Amino acid sequence: MISIQLDKISKRFQFEWIFKDISLNLDDAKAWAITGSNGSGKSTLLKCISGQLPLTSGSILYSINGNSISDATIYQHLVISAPYLELPEEFTLQEVLGFHFKFKKAFKDLSIKKMIDIMYLSEHKNKTVSQFSSGMKQRLKLGLCFFSDVPLILLDEPSSNLDNKGCNWYLSLVDDFGRDRKILVCSNEPKEYGFCKQNIVIEHYKTRPKL
């Protein structure tokens, strides 16, 4: 499993500190929730952990089996699903999966056909993503994550646009494909992160005005 240590990490946009001085060892649990009010900085923290955003101060240490991983190469060891990430709308479902798995190894050598079956999208395999409903797109985003053989899965609002069936399906992915991998979930919905054993409450890492 991947090891992640946050060492006094802080992020500021202009004069506003989004979070400040977070020091945590994420090895304390396999699954972590990142919670907080809307606009509090949950997604910003996830982007920093993924290497998409630079920190203002502090550092994040990554390693696998004792071997250090640099900030520049951490993307090779993770996948992320988030509302702000776009899918290639002009690709068919099969083309999206084929393209993605040129860069990521499939988990337990799953075939593309099996992936499509698990996402219950078999009837839509030749449709372009532009024809998908929001729920179908979300199932595809989550499938791309859980079907990738990487040690770190980052999820931002994972049940967004999913109906009850879709929410239950998402939780089944966690059970079936999340074992022995580290999962971080940004959410305000307990149903999305009920399996997480630890919680990072983003408001606990805000600067407090002096009285």
N, C-alpha and C. Protein backbone atom coordinates (compact mmCIF):
# COMPACT_ATOMS: atom_id res chain seq x y z
N MET A 1 0.84 -1.20 0.00
CA MET A 1 0.00 0.00 0.00
C MET A 1 0.87 1.25 0.00
N ILE A 2 0.36 2.30 -0.60
CA ILE A 2 1.10 3.55 -0.68
C ILE A 2 1.12 4.24 0.69
N SER A 3 2.24 4.86 1.00
CA SER A 3 2.39 5.63 2.24
C SER A 3 2.36 7.12 1.89
N ILE A 4 1.55 7.89 2.64
CA ILE A 4 1.44 9.34 2.38
C ILE A 4 1.54 10.07 3.72
N GLN A 5 2.46 11.02 3.81
CA GLN A 5 2.60 11.83 5.01
C GLN A 5 2.52 13.31 4.64
N LEU A 6 1.62 13.99 5.31
CA LEU A 6 1.45 15.43 5.12
C LEU A 6 2.25 16.16 6.20
N ASP A 7 3.19 16.97 5.79
CA ASP A 7 4.09 17.64 6.74
C ASP A 7 3.87 19.15 6.69
N LYS A 8 3.03 19.64 7.60
CA LYS A 8 2.74 21.07 7.72
C LYS A 8 2.36 21.70 6.38
N ILE A 9 1.47 21.04 5.66
CA ILE A 9 1.11 21.56 4.34
C ILE A 9 0.09 22.70 4.47
N SER A 10 0.25 23.70 3.62
CA SER A 10 -0.63 24.86 3.61
C SER A 10 -0.86 25.29 2.16
N LYS A 11 -2.04 25.86 1.92
CA LYS A 11 -2.35 26.39 0.60
C LYS A 11 -3.05 27.72 0.73
N ARG A 12 -2.56 28.70 -0.02
CA ARG A 12 -3.13 30.05 0.01
C ARG A 12 -3.41 30.51 -1.42
N PHE A 13 -4.56 31.12 -1.60
CA PHE A 13 -4.88 31.80 -2.84
C PHE A 13 -4.92 33.30 -2.53
N GLN A 14 -3.98 34.04 -3.11
CA GLN A 14 -3.83 35.46 -2.82
C GLN A 14 -3.66 35.65 -1.30
N PHE A 15 -4.64 36.29 -0.63
CA PHE A 15 -4.48 36.56 0.81
C PHE A 15 -5.27 35.60 1.68
N GLU A 16 -5.91 34.62 1.07
CA GLU A 16 -6.76 33.70 1.85
C GLU A 16 -6.09 32.34 1.99
N TRP A 17 -5.95 31.91 3.24
CA TRP A 17 -5.44 30.56 3.50
C TRP A 17 -6.60 29.57 3.37
N ILE A 18 -6.48 28.63 2.45
CA ILE A 18 -7.51 27.61 2.27
C ILE A 18 -7.40 26.57 3.37
N PHE A 19 -6.19 26.16 3.67
CA PHE A 19 -5.90 25.34 4.84
C PHE A 19 -4.47 25.63 5.24
N LYS A 20 -4.16 25.36 6.51
CA LYS A 20 -2.84 25.75 7.02
C LYS A 20 -2.33 24.70 8.00
N ASP A 21 -1.09 24.30 7.78
CA ASP A 21 -0.33 23.45 8.70
C ASP A 21 -1.04 22.12 8.99
N ILE A 22 -1.36 21.40 7.94
CA ILE A 22 -1.90 20.04 8.12
C ILE A 22 -0.73 19.07 8.21
N SER A 23 -0.62 18.40 9.34
CA SER A 23 0.39 17.34 9.51
C SER A 23 -0.33 16.06 9.89
N LEU A 24 -0.35 15.12 8.98
CA LEU A 24 -1.05 13.86 9.21
C LEU A 24 -0.29 12.72 8.54
N ASN A 25 -0.36 11.56 9.17
CA ASN A 25 0.15 10.34 8.56
C ASN A 25 -1.05 9.57 8.03
N LEU A 26 -1.22 9.54 6.72
CA LEU A 26 -2.39 8.88 6.14
C LEU A 26 -2.28 7.37 6.15
N ASP A 27 -1.19 6.85 6.73
CA ASP A 27 -1.07 5.41 6.89
C ASP A 27 -1.91 4.89 8.04
N ASP A 28 -2.48 5.80 8.85
CA ASP A 28 -3.28 5.38 10.00
C ASP A 28 -4.55 4.66 9.61
N ALA A 29 -4.97 4.78 8.37
CA ALA A 29 -6.17 4.09 7.90
C ALA A 29 -6.08 3.91 6.39
N LYS A 30 -6.81 2.91 5.90
CA LYS A 30 -6.84 2.67 4.45
C LYS A 30 -7.68 3.72 3.74
N ALA A 31 -8.79 4.11 4.37
CA ALA A 31 -9.73 5.04 3.72
C ALA A 31 -9.93 6.27 4.60
N TRP A 32 -9.83 7.45 3.97
CA TRP A 32 -9.98 8.73 4.66
C TRP A 32 -11.07 9.56 3.98
N ALA A 33 -11.88 10.21 4.79
CA ALA A 33 -12.83 11.19 4.28
C ALA A 33 -12.23 12.58 4.46
N ILE A 34 -12.50 13.47 3.51
CA ILE A 34 -12.16 14.89 3.64
C ILE A 34 -13.49 15.63 3.64
N THR A 35 -13.86 16.20 4.77
CA THR A 35 -15.18 16.80 4.91
C THR A 35 -15.07 18.28 5.26
N GLY A 36 -16.16 18.99 5.02
CA GLY A 36 -16.22 20.42 5.31
C GLY A 36 -17.34 21.05 4.53
N SER A 37 -17.68 22.26 4.86
CA SER A 37 -18.77 22.95 4.19
C SER A 37 -18.41 23.24 2.74
N ASN A 38 -19.43 23.58 1.94
CA ASN A 38 -19.20 23.91 0.54
C ASN A 38 -18.23 25.09 0.43
N GLY A 39 -17.25 24.95 -0.43
CA GLY A 39 -16.28 26.02 -0.62
C GLY A 39 -15.21 26.10 0.44
N SER A 40 -15.13 25.10 1.31
CA SER A 40 -14.17 25.15 2.41
C SER A 40 -12.76 24.78 2.00
N GLY A 41 -12.62 24.09 0.86
CA GLY A 41 -11.28 23.73 0.41
C GLY A 41 -11.02 22.25 0.30
N LYS A 42 -12.06 21.43 0.35
CA LYS A 42 -11.88 19.98 0.26
C LYS A 42 -11.22 19.59 -1.07
N SER A 43 -11.77 20.11 -2.15
CA SER A 43 -11.23 19.77 -3.48
C SER A 43 -9.81 20.30 -3.64
N THR A 44 -9.53 21.46 -3.06
CA THR A 44 -8.18 22.02 -3.15
C THR A 44 -7.17 21.09 -2.47
N LEU A 45 -7.54 20.57 -1.31
CA LEU A 45 -6.65 19.64 -0.62
C LEU A 45 -6.43 18.39 -1.46
N LEU A 46 -7.49 17.87 -2.06
CA LEU A 46 -7.37 16.67 -2.89
C LEU A 46 -6.45 16.94 -4.09
N LYS A 47 -6.60 18.11 -4.70
CA LYS A 47 -5.75 18.47 -5.83
C LYS A 47 -4.28 18.57 -5.41
N CYS A 48 -4.04 19.10 -4.22
CA CYS A 48 -2.66 19.19 -3.72
C CYS A 48 -2.07 17.80 -3.49
N ILE A 49 -2.87 16.91 -2.91
CA ILE A 49 -2.39 15.55 -2.66
C ILE A 49 -2.11 14.82 -3.97
N SER A 50 -2.92 15.12 -5.00
CA SER A 50 -2.74 14.46 -6.29
C SER A 50 -1.59 15.04 -7.10
N GLY A 51 -1.06 16.19 -6.66
CA GLY A 51 0.00 16.84 -7.40
C GLY A 51 -0.48 17.82 -8.45
N GLN A 52 -1.80 18.03 -8.56
CA GLN A 52 -2.34 18.96 -9.55
C GLN A 52 -2.07 20.41 -9.18
N LEU A 53 -2.04 20.70 -7.87
CA LEU A 53 -1.79 22.05 -7.39
C LEU A 53 -0.54 22.07 -6.53
N PRO A 54 0.30 23.09 -6.67
CA PRO A 54 1.46 23.19 -5.79
C PRO A 54 1.05 23.70 -4.41
N LEU A 55 1.76 23.28 -3.40
CA LEU A 55 1.54 23.77 -2.05
C LEU A 55 2.15 25.16 -1.90
N THR A 56 1.59 25.94 -0.99
CA THR A 56 2.21 27.21 -0.63
C THR A 56 3.38 26.96 0.31
N SER A 57 3.22 26.02 1.23
CA SER A 57 4.31 25.63 2.12
C SER A 57 4.07 24.21 2.60
N GLY A 58 5.10 23.62 3.17
CA GLY A 58 5.02 22.25 3.63
C GLY A 58 5.37 21.27 2.53
N SER A 59 5.24 19.99 2.84
CA SER A 59 5.60 18.97 1.85
C SER A 59 4.75 17.72 2.05
N ILE A 60 4.63 16.96 0.98
CA ILE A 60 3.93 15.67 1.02
C ILE A 60 4.94 14.60 0.64
N LEU A 61 5.07 13.60 1.49
CA LEU A 61 6.02 12.51 1.26
C LEU A 61 5.24 11.27 0.85
N TYR A 62 5.59 10.71 -0.32
CA TYR A 62 4.94 9.51 -0.82
C TYR A 62 5.98 8.39 -0.91
N SER A 63 5.54 7.17 -0.62
CA SER A 63 6.44 6.04 -0.83
C SER A 63 5.61 4.76 -0.99
N ILE A 64 6.19 3.81 -1.69
CA ILE A 64 5.58 2.49 -1.85
C ILE A 64 6.65 1.46 -1.48
N ASN A 65 6.33 0.64 -0.50
CA ASN A 65 7.26 -0.39 -0.03
C ASN A 65 8.61 0.21 0.34
N GLY A 66 8.56 1.41 0.93
CA GLY A 66 9.78 2.06 1.38
C GLY A 66 10.51 2.85 0.32
N ASN A 67 10.04 2.79 -0.92
CA ASN A 67 10.69 3.52 -2.01
C ASN A 67 9.98 4.85 -2.22
N SER A 68 10.72 5.94 -2.14
CA SER A 68 10.14 7.28 -2.27
C SER A 68 9.64 7.53 -3.68
N ILE A 69 8.55 8.31 -3.76
CA ILE A 69 7.97 8.73 -5.04
C ILE A 69 8.01 10.25 -5.07
N SER A 70 8.47 10.81 -6.17
CA SER A 70 8.57 12.27 -6.27
C SER A 70 7.22 12.89 -6.58
N ASP A 71 7.10 14.19 -6.28
CA ASP A 71 5.90 14.94 -6.63
C ASP A 71 5.62 14.86 -8.13
N ALA A 72 6.68 14.85 -8.92
CA ALA A 72 6.54 14.90 -10.37
C ALA A 72 6.00 13.60 -10.96
N THR A 73 6.13 12.50 -10.23
CA THR A 73 5.71 11.21 -10.78
C THR A 73 4.56 10.56 -10.01
N ILE A 74 4.02 11.26 -9.00
CA ILE A 74 2.95 10.66 -8.20
C ILE A 74 1.73 10.35 -9.06
N TYR A 75 1.52 11.11 -10.13
CA TYR A 75 0.34 10.90 -10.98
C TYR A 75 0.32 9.48 -11.56
N GLN A 76 1.48 8.86 -11.69
CA GLN A 76 1.54 7.51 -12.24
C GLN A 76 0.93 6.47 -11.30
N HIS A 77 0.77 6.86 -10.04
CA HIS A 77 0.34 5.89 -9.03
C HIS A 77 -1.05 6.18 -8.49
N LEU A 78 -1.79 7.06 -9.15
CA LEU A 78 -3.12 7.42 -8.65
C LEU A 78 -4.11 7.60 -9.79
N VAL A 79 -5.37 7.60 -9.40
CA VAL A 79 -6.47 7.96 -10.30
C VAL A 79 -7.40 8.88 -9.52
N ILE A 80 -8.16 9.69 -10.26
CA ILE A 80 -9.04 10.65 -9.58
C ILE A 80 -10.35 10.78 -10.35
N SER A 81 -11.44 10.85 -9.61
CA SER A 81 -12.76 11.14 -10.17
C SER A 81 -13.27 12.39 -9.48
N ALA A 82 -13.67 13.39 -10.29
CA ALA A 82 -14.13 14.66 -9.72
C ALA A 82 -15.06 15.35 -10.70
N PRO A 83 -16.00 16.16 -10.19
CA PRO A 83 -16.94 16.87 -11.07
C PRO A 83 -16.26 17.79 -12.07
N TYR A 84 -15.10 18.32 -11.72
CA TYR A 84 -14.42 19.29 -12.58
C TYR A 84 -13.56 18.62 -13.66
N LEU A 85 -13.45 17.31 -13.65
CA LEU A 85 -12.68 16.59 -14.66
C LEU A 85 -13.60 16.17 -15.80
N GLU A 86 -13.21 16.50 -17.02
CA GLU A 86 -14.05 16.22 -18.19
C GLU A 86 -13.64 14.91 -18.85
N LEU A 87 -14.62 14.24 -19.45
CA LEU A 87 -14.37 13.06 -20.26
C LEU A 87 -14.30 13.49 -21.73
N PRO A 88 -13.59 12.73 -22.58
CA PRO A 88 -13.54 13.06 -24.01
C PRO A 88 -14.89 12.76 -24.66
N GLU A 89 -15.68 13.77 -24.88
CA GLU A 89 -17.06 13.61 -25.32
C GLU A 89 -17.17 13.00 -26.72
N GLU A 90 -16.16 13.16 -27.55
CA GLU A 90 -16.25 12.66 -28.92
C GLU A 90 -15.89 11.18 -29.02
N PHE A 91 -15.38 10.59 -27.94
CA PHE A 91 -15.01 9.17 -27.93
C PHE A 91 -16.22 8.32 -27.60
N THR A 92 -16.25 7.10 -28.15
CA THR A 92 -17.25 6.13 -27.69
C THR A 92 -16.77 5.55 -26.36
N LEU A 93 -17.66 4.85 -25.69
CA LEU A 93 -17.30 4.23 -24.42
C LEU A 93 -16.10 3.31 -24.60
N GLN A 94 -16.12 2.48 -25.61
CA GLN A 94 -15.01 1.56 -25.84
C GLN A 94 -13.71 2.31 -26.12
N GLU A 95 -13.82 3.42 -26.84
CA GLU A 95 -12.63 4.20 -27.15
C GLU A 95 -12.05 4.86 -25.90
N VAL A 96 -12.92 5.36 -25.02
CA VAL A 96 -12.44 5.97 -23.77
C VAL A 96 -11.67 4.94 -22.95
N LEU A 97 -12.26 3.77 -22.80
CA LEU A 97 -11.59 2.72 -22.01
C LEU A 97 -10.29 2.28 -22.68
N GLY A 98 -10.32 2.10 -24.00
CA GLY A 98 -9.11 1.69 -24.70
C GLY A 98 -8.00 2.71 -24.56
N PHE A 99 -8.35 3.99 -24.65
CA PHE A 99 -7.36 5.06 -24.52
C PHE A 99 -6.80 5.11 -23.10
N HIS A 100 -7.69 5.08 -22.09
CA HIS A 100 -7.25 5.17 -20.70
C HIS A 100 -6.28 4.05 -20.35
N PHE A 101 -6.61 2.83 -20.81
CA PHE A 101 -5.79 1.69 -20.40
C PHE A 101 -4.57 1.47 -21.29
N LYS A 102 -4.28 2.47 -22.12
CA LYS A 102 -2.95 2.53 -22.72
C LYS A 102 -1.94 3.10 -21.73
N PHE A 103 -2.46 3.84 -20.74
CA PHE A 103 -1.61 4.53 -19.77
C PHE A 103 -1.66 3.90 -18.37
N LYS A 104 -2.74 3.20 -18.08
CA LYS A 104 -2.88 2.53 -16.79
C LYS A 104 -3.09 1.04 -17.02
N LYS A 105 -2.51 0.26 -16.15
CA LYS A 105 -2.73 -1.19 -16.21
C LYS A 105 -4.11 -1.51 -15.64
N ALA A 106 -4.81 -2.43 -16.26
CA ALA A 106 -6.13 -2.83 -15.78
C ALA A 106 -6.00 -3.66 -14.52
N PHE A 107 -6.89 -3.41 -13.57
CA PHE A 107 -6.88 -4.12 -12.28
C PHE A 107 -7.21 -5.58 -12.52
N LYS A 108 -6.31 -6.44 -12.07
CA LYS A 108 -6.47 -7.89 -12.21
C LYS A 108 -6.79 -8.30 -13.65
N ASP A 109 -6.19 -7.56 -14.59
CA ASP A 109 -6.32 -7.86 -16.02
C ASP A 109 -7.77 -7.93 -16.49
N LEU A 110 -8.62 -7.08 -15.93
CA LEU A 110 -10.00 -7.00 -16.39
C LEU A 110 -10.05 -6.66 -17.88
N SER A 111 -10.92 -7.32 -18.62
CA SER A 111 -11.11 -6.97 -20.02
C SER A 111 -12.03 -5.76 -20.12
N ILE A 112 -11.95 -5.06 -21.24
CA ILE A 112 -12.83 -3.91 -21.45
C ILE A 112 -14.29 -4.36 -21.46
N LYS A 113 -14.56 -5.51 -22.04
CA LYS A 113 -15.94 -6.02 -22.04
C LYS A 113 -16.44 -6.22 -20.62
N LYS A 114 -15.59 -6.78 -19.76
CA LYS A 114 -16.00 -7.01 -18.37
C LYS A 114 -16.23 -5.68 -17.66
N MET A 115 -15.38 -4.70 -17.92
CA MET A 115 -15.56 -3.38 -17.31
C MET A 115 -16.91 -2.79 -17.70
N ILE A 116 -17.24 -2.87 -18.98
CA ILE A 116 -18.50 -2.31 -19.46
C ILE A 116 -19.68 -3.02 -18.82
N ASP A 117 -19.57 -4.33 -18.65
CA ASP A 117 -20.63 -5.09 -18.00
C ASP A 117 -20.81 -4.65 -16.54
N ILE A 118 -19.70 -4.47 -15.83
CA ILE A 118 -19.76 -4.07 -14.43
C ILE A 118 -20.39 -2.68 -14.29
N MET A 119 -20.13 -1.80 -15.24
CA MET A 119 -20.70 -0.45 -15.20
C MET A 119 -22.14 -0.42 -15.71
N TYR A 120 -22.68 -1.58 -16.02
CA TYR A 120 -23.99 -1.78 -16.67
C TYR A 120 -24.23 -0.76 -17.78
N LEU A 121 -23.25 -0.75 -18.71
CA LEU A 121 -23.31 0.13 -19.87
C LEU A 121 -23.18 -0.65 -21.18
N SER A 122 -23.46 -1.94 -21.15
CA SER A 122 -23.25 -2.78 -22.34
C SER A 122 -24.03 -2.29 -23.55
N GLU A 123 -25.21 -1.77 -23.33
CA GLU A 123 -26.04 -1.32 -24.45
C GLU A 123 -25.54 -0.01 -25.06
N HIS A 124 -24.55 0.59 -24.41
CA HIS A 124 -24.09 1.92 -24.85
C HIS A 124 -22.62 1.91 -25.27
N LYS A 125 -22.04 0.74 -25.49
CA LYS A 125 -20.60 0.66 -25.73
C LYS A 125 -20.15 1.40 -26.98
N ASN A 126 -21.04 1.55 -27.96
CA ASN A 126 -20.67 2.24 -29.20
C ASN A 126 -21.19 3.67 -29.29
N LYS A 127 -21.80 4.14 -28.21
CA LYS A 127 -22.26 5.53 -28.17
C LYS A 127 -21.11 6.45 -27.78
N THR A 128 -21.15 7.67 -28.28
CA THR A 128 -20.17 8.64 -27.83
C THR A 128 -20.56 9.14 -26.44
N VAL A 129 -19.57 9.56 -25.69
CA VAL A 129 -19.81 10.03 -24.32
C VAL A 129 -20.76 11.23 -24.32
N SER A 130 -20.75 12.00 -25.39
CA SER A 130 -21.65 13.16 -25.48
C SER A 130 -23.12 12.75 -25.40
N GLN A 131 -23.43 11.50 -25.70
CA GLN A 131 -24.80 11.00 -25.66
C GLN A 131 -25.16 10.42 -24.29
N PHE A 132 -24.20 10.37 -23.39
CA PHE A 132 -24.43 9.78 -22.08
C PHE A 132 -25.19 10.75 -21.17
N SER A 133 -25.99 10.20 -20.28
CA SER A 133 -26.60 10.99 -19.21
C SER A 133 -25.53 11.32 -18.17
N SER A 134 -25.85 12.24 -17.28
CA SER A 134 -24.88 12.60 -16.23
C SER A 134 -24.56 11.41 -15.34
N GLY A 135 -25.55 10.56 -15.07
CA GLY A 135 -25.30 9.38 -14.25
C GLY A 135 -24.40 8.38 -14.94
N MET A 136 -24.59 8.19 -16.25
CA MET A 136 -23.73 7.28 -17.01
C MET A 136 -22.29 7.78 -17.02
N LYS A 137 -22.13 9.09 -17.19
CA LYS A 137 -20.78 9.66 -17.16
C LYS A 137 -20.11 9.44 -15.80
N GLN A 138 -20.90 9.57 -14.74
CA GLN A 138 -20.33 9.37 -13.41
C GLN A 138 -19.92 7.92 -13.20
N ARG A 139 -20.71 6.99 -13.69
CA ARG A 139 -20.34 5.58 -13.58
C ARG A 139 -19.05 5.31 -14.35
N LEU A 140 -18.90 5.96 -15.49
CA LEU A 140 -17.68 5.79 -16.28
C LEU A 140 -16.48 6.36 -15.53
N LYS A 141 -16.63 7.54 -14.95
CA LYS A 141 -15.52 8.13 -14.18
C LYS A 141 -15.08 7.21 -13.04
N LEU A 142 -16.06 6.68 -12.33
CA LEU A 142 -15.73 5.80 -11.20
C LEU A 142 -15.13 4.49 -11.69
N GLY A 143 -15.65 3.97 -12.80
CA GLY A 143 -15.09 2.75 -13.36
C GLY A 143 -13.64 2.93 -13.76
N LEU A 144 -13.33 4.04 -14.41
CA LEU A 144 -11.95 4.30 -14.80
C LEU A 144 -11.02 4.29 -13.59
N CYS A 145 -11.52 4.78 -12.46
CA CYS A 145 -10.71 4.78 -11.23
C CYS A 145 -10.52 3.38 -10.68
N PHE A 146 -11.63 2.72 -10.39
CA PHE A 146 -11.54 1.44 -9.68
C PHE A 146 -10.99 0.32 -10.55
N PHE A 147 -11.08 0.44 -11.86
CA PHE A 147 -10.56 -0.61 -12.74
C PHE A 147 -9.09 -0.40 -13.08
N SER A 148 -8.48 0.68 -12.57
CA SER A 148 -7.06 0.95 -12.80
C SER A 148 -6.24 0.35 -11.67
N ASP A 149 -5.15 -0.29 -12.03
CA ASP A 149 -4.30 -0.95 -11.04
C ASP A 149 -3.28 0.05 -10.49
N VAL A 150 -3.77 0.89 -9.58
CA VAL A 150 -2.92 1.88 -8.91
C VAL A 150 -3.21 1.82 -7.41
N PRO A 151 -2.28 2.25 -6.56
CA PRO A 151 -2.48 2.12 -5.12
C PRO A 151 -3.29 3.24 -4.47
N LEU A 152 -3.56 4.34 -5.22
CA LEU A 152 -4.23 5.49 -4.61
C LEU A 152 -5.43 5.92 -5.47
N ILE A 153 -6.62 5.93 -4.84
CA ILE A 153 -7.85 6.34 -5.51
C ILE A 153 -8.38 7.59 -4.82
N LEU A 154 -8.54 8.67 -5.58
CA LEU A 154 -9.03 9.94 -5.05
C LEU A 154 -10.41 10.22 -5.63
N LEU A 155 -11.38 10.45 -4.76
CA LEU A 155 -12.77 10.61 -5.18
C LEU A 155 -13.34 11.91 -4.63
N ASP A 156 -13.87 12.73 -5.51
CA ASP A 156 -14.51 13.99 -5.12
C ASP A 156 -15.99 13.88 -5.47
N GLU A 157 -16.84 13.91 -4.46
CA GLU A 157 -18.29 13.77 -4.63
C GLU A 157 -18.62 12.55 -5.51
N PRO A 158 -18.25 11.35 -5.07
CA PRO A 158 -18.36 10.17 -5.94
C PRO A 158 -19.78 9.76 -6.32
N SER A 159 -20.79 10.11 -5.52
CA SER A 159 -22.15 9.71 -5.89
C SER A 159 -22.91 10.82 -6.61
N SER A 160 -22.20 11.88 -7.01
CA SER A 160 -22.82 12.97 -7.76
C SER A 160 -23.49 12.42 -9.02
N ASN A 161 -24.77 12.80 -9.21
CA ASN A 161 -25.56 12.39 -10.38
C ASN A 161 -25.96 10.92 -10.39
N LEU A 162 -25.73 10.20 -9.30
CA LEU A 162 -26.12 8.80 -9.24
C LEU A 162 -27.44 8.64 -8.51
N ASP A 163 -28.31 7.75 -9.02
CA ASP A 163 -29.55 7.41 -8.32
C ASP A 163 -29.24 6.38 -7.25
N ASN A 164 -30.25 5.88 -6.57
CA ASN A 164 -30.02 4.93 -5.48
C ASN A 164 -29.29 3.68 -5.96
N LYS A 165 -29.68 3.19 -7.13
CA LYS A 165 -28.99 2.02 -7.69
C LYS A 165 -27.52 2.34 -7.92
N GLY A 166 -27.27 3.52 -8.48
CA GLY A 166 -25.90 3.92 -8.74
C GLY A 166 -25.08 4.10 -7.48
N CYS A 167 -25.69 4.64 -6.43
CA CYS A 167 -24.98 4.80 -5.15
C CYS A 167 -24.60 3.45 -4.56
N ASN A 168 -25.52 2.50 -4.62
CA ASN A 168 -25.22 1.16 -4.11
C ASN A 168 -24.13 0.50 -4.96
N TRP A 169 -24.18 0.75 -6.27
CA TRP A 169 -23.14 0.22 -7.16
C TRP A 169 -21.78 0.80 -6.81
N TYR A 170 -21.72 2.10 -6.54
CA TYR A 170 -20.46 2.74 -6.13
C TYR A 170 -19.89 2.08 -4.88
N LEU A 171 -20.73 1.84 -3.89
CA LEU A 171 -20.25 1.20 -2.66
C LEU A 171 -19.80 -0.24 -2.91
N SER A 172 -20.42 -0.90 -3.88
CA SER A 172 -19.97 -2.25 -4.23
C SER A 172 -18.59 -2.20 -4.88
N LEU A 173 -18.32 -1.14 -5.65
CA LEU A 173 -16.97 -0.99 -6.23
C LEU A 173 -15.92 -0.87 -5.12
N VAL A 174 -16.26 -0.10 -4.09
CA VAL A 174 -15.34 0.05 -2.96
C VAL A 174 -15.04 -1.31 -2.35
N ASP A 175 -16.08 -2.11 -2.15
CA ASP A 175 -15.90 -3.45 -1.55
C ASP A 175 -15.12 -4.39 -2.47
N ASP A 176 -15.45 -4.35 -3.76
CA ASP A 176 -14.88 -5.33 -4.69
C ASP A 176 -13.51 -4.94 -5.22
N PHE A 177 -13.26 -3.63 -5.37
CA PHE A 177 -12.03 -3.19 -6.01
C PHE A 177 -11.17 -2.27 -5.15
N GLY A 178 -11.64 -1.93 -3.96
CA GLY A 178 -10.90 -0.99 -3.12
C GLY A 178 -10.01 -1.62 -2.07
N ARG A 179 -10.03 -2.92 -1.99
CA ARG A 179 -9.22 -3.59 -0.97
C ARG A 179 -7.73 -3.40 -1.25
N ASP A 180 -6.96 -3.24 -0.18
CA ASP A 180 -5.51 -3.10 -0.27
C ASP A 180 -5.09 -1.88 -1.08
N ARG A 181 -6.00 -0.89 -1.17
CA ARG A 181 -5.65 0.37 -1.82
C ARG A 181 -6.09 1.51 -0.90
N LYS A 182 -5.40 2.62 -1.02
CA LYS A 182 -5.78 3.77 -0.20
C LYS A 182 -6.80 4.60 -0.96
N ILE A 183 -7.89 4.99 -0.25
CA ILE A 183 -8.97 5.75 -0.87
C ILE A 183 -9.19 7.03 -0.06
N LEU A 184 -9.23 8.16 -0.75
CA LEU A 184 -9.58 9.44 -0.13
C LEU A 184 -10.86 9.95 -0.77
N VAL A 185 -11.82 10.35 0.06
CA VAL A 185 -13.13 10.76 -0.44
C VAL A 185 -13.45 12.16 0.06
N CYS A 186 -13.63 13.11 -0.86
CA CYS A 186 -14.13 14.45 -0.53
C CYS A 186 -15.65 14.42 -0.58
N SER A 187 -16.29 14.79 0.53
CA SER A 187 -17.76 14.67 0.52
C SER A 187 -18.38 15.37 1.71
N ASN A 188 -19.66 15.75 1.53
CA ASN A 188 -20.51 16.18 2.63
C ASN A 188 -21.61 15.17 2.89
N GLU A 189 -21.61 14.06 2.15
CA GLU A 189 -22.65 13.05 2.25
C GLU A 189 -22.11 11.81 2.96
N PRO A 190 -22.57 11.53 4.18
CA PRO A 190 -22.06 10.38 4.92
C PRO A 190 -22.18 9.06 4.16
N LYS A 191 -23.20 8.93 3.30
CA LYS A 191 -23.36 7.69 2.55
C LYS A 191 -22.18 7.45 1.60
N GLU A 192 -21.48 8.52 1.22
CA GLU A 192 -20.36 8.38 0.29
C GLU A 192 -19.08 7.93 0.98
N TYR A 193 -18.97 8.21 2.28
CA TYR A 193 -17.70 7.91 2.96
C TYR A 193 -17.89 7.11 4.24
N GLY A 194 -19.01 6.42 4.37
CA GLY A 194 -19.26 5.66 5.60
C GLY A 194 -18.23 4.58 5.88
N PHE A 195 -17.54 4.13 4.85
CA PHE A 195 -16.52 3.09 5.00
C PHE A 195 -15.18 3.65 5.48
N CYS A 196 -15.04 4.98 5.49
CA CYS A 196 -13.77 5.60 5.87
C CYS A 196 -13.58 5.53 7.40
N LYS A 197 -12.39 5.20 7.81
CA LYS A 197 -12.09 5.07 9.23
C LYS A 197 -11.54 6.35 9.85
N GLN A 198 -11.10 7.27 9.01
CA GLN A 198 -10.54 8.52 9.50
C GLN A 198 -11.14 9.68 8.70
N ASN A 199 -11.12 10.86 9.30
CA ASN A 199 -11.75 12.02 8.68
C ASN A 199 -10.86 13.25 8.85
N ILE A 200 -10.60 13.94 7.75
CA ILE A 200 -9.92 15.22 7.79
C ILE A 200 -10.99 16.30 7.68
N VAL A 201 -11.25 17.01 8.77
CA VAL A 201 -12.24 18.09 8.76
C VAL A 201 -11.52 19.37 8.38
N ILE A 202 -11.78 19.86 7.19
CA ILE A 202 -10.97 20.95 6.63
C ILE A 202 -11.06 22.21 7.48
N GLU A 203 -12.21 22.45 8.15
CA GLU A 203 -12.34 23.66 8.99
C GLU A 203 -11.39 23.65 10.17
N HIS A 204 -10.88 22.48 10.55
CA HIS A 204 -9.94 22.42 11.65
C HIS A 204 -8.57 22.99 11.27
N TYR A 205 -8.37 23.26 9.99
CA TYR A 205 -7.07 23.72 9.53
C TYR A 205 -7.17 25.09 8.86
N LYS A 206 -8.10 25.90 9.35
CA LYS A 206 -8.22 27.26 8.90
C LYS A 206 -7.53 28.19 9.90
N THR A 207 -7.06 29.34 9.44
CA THR A 207 -6.51 30.31 10.37
C THR A 207 -7.66 30.99 11.09
N ARG A 208 -7.47 31.27 12.34
CA ARG A 208 -8.49 31.93 13.14
C ARG A 208 -8.17 33.41 13.31
N PRO A 209 -9.15 34.29 13.11
CA PRO A 209 -8.89 35.72 13.30
C PRO A 209 -8.54 36.02 14.75
N LYS A 210 -7.63 36.95 14.95
CA LYS A 210 -7.25 37.34 16.31
C LYS A 210 -8.33 38.20 16.94
N LEU A 211 -8.65 37.93 18.21
CA LEU A 211 -9.67 38.70 18.92
C LEU A 211 -9.06 39.94 19.55
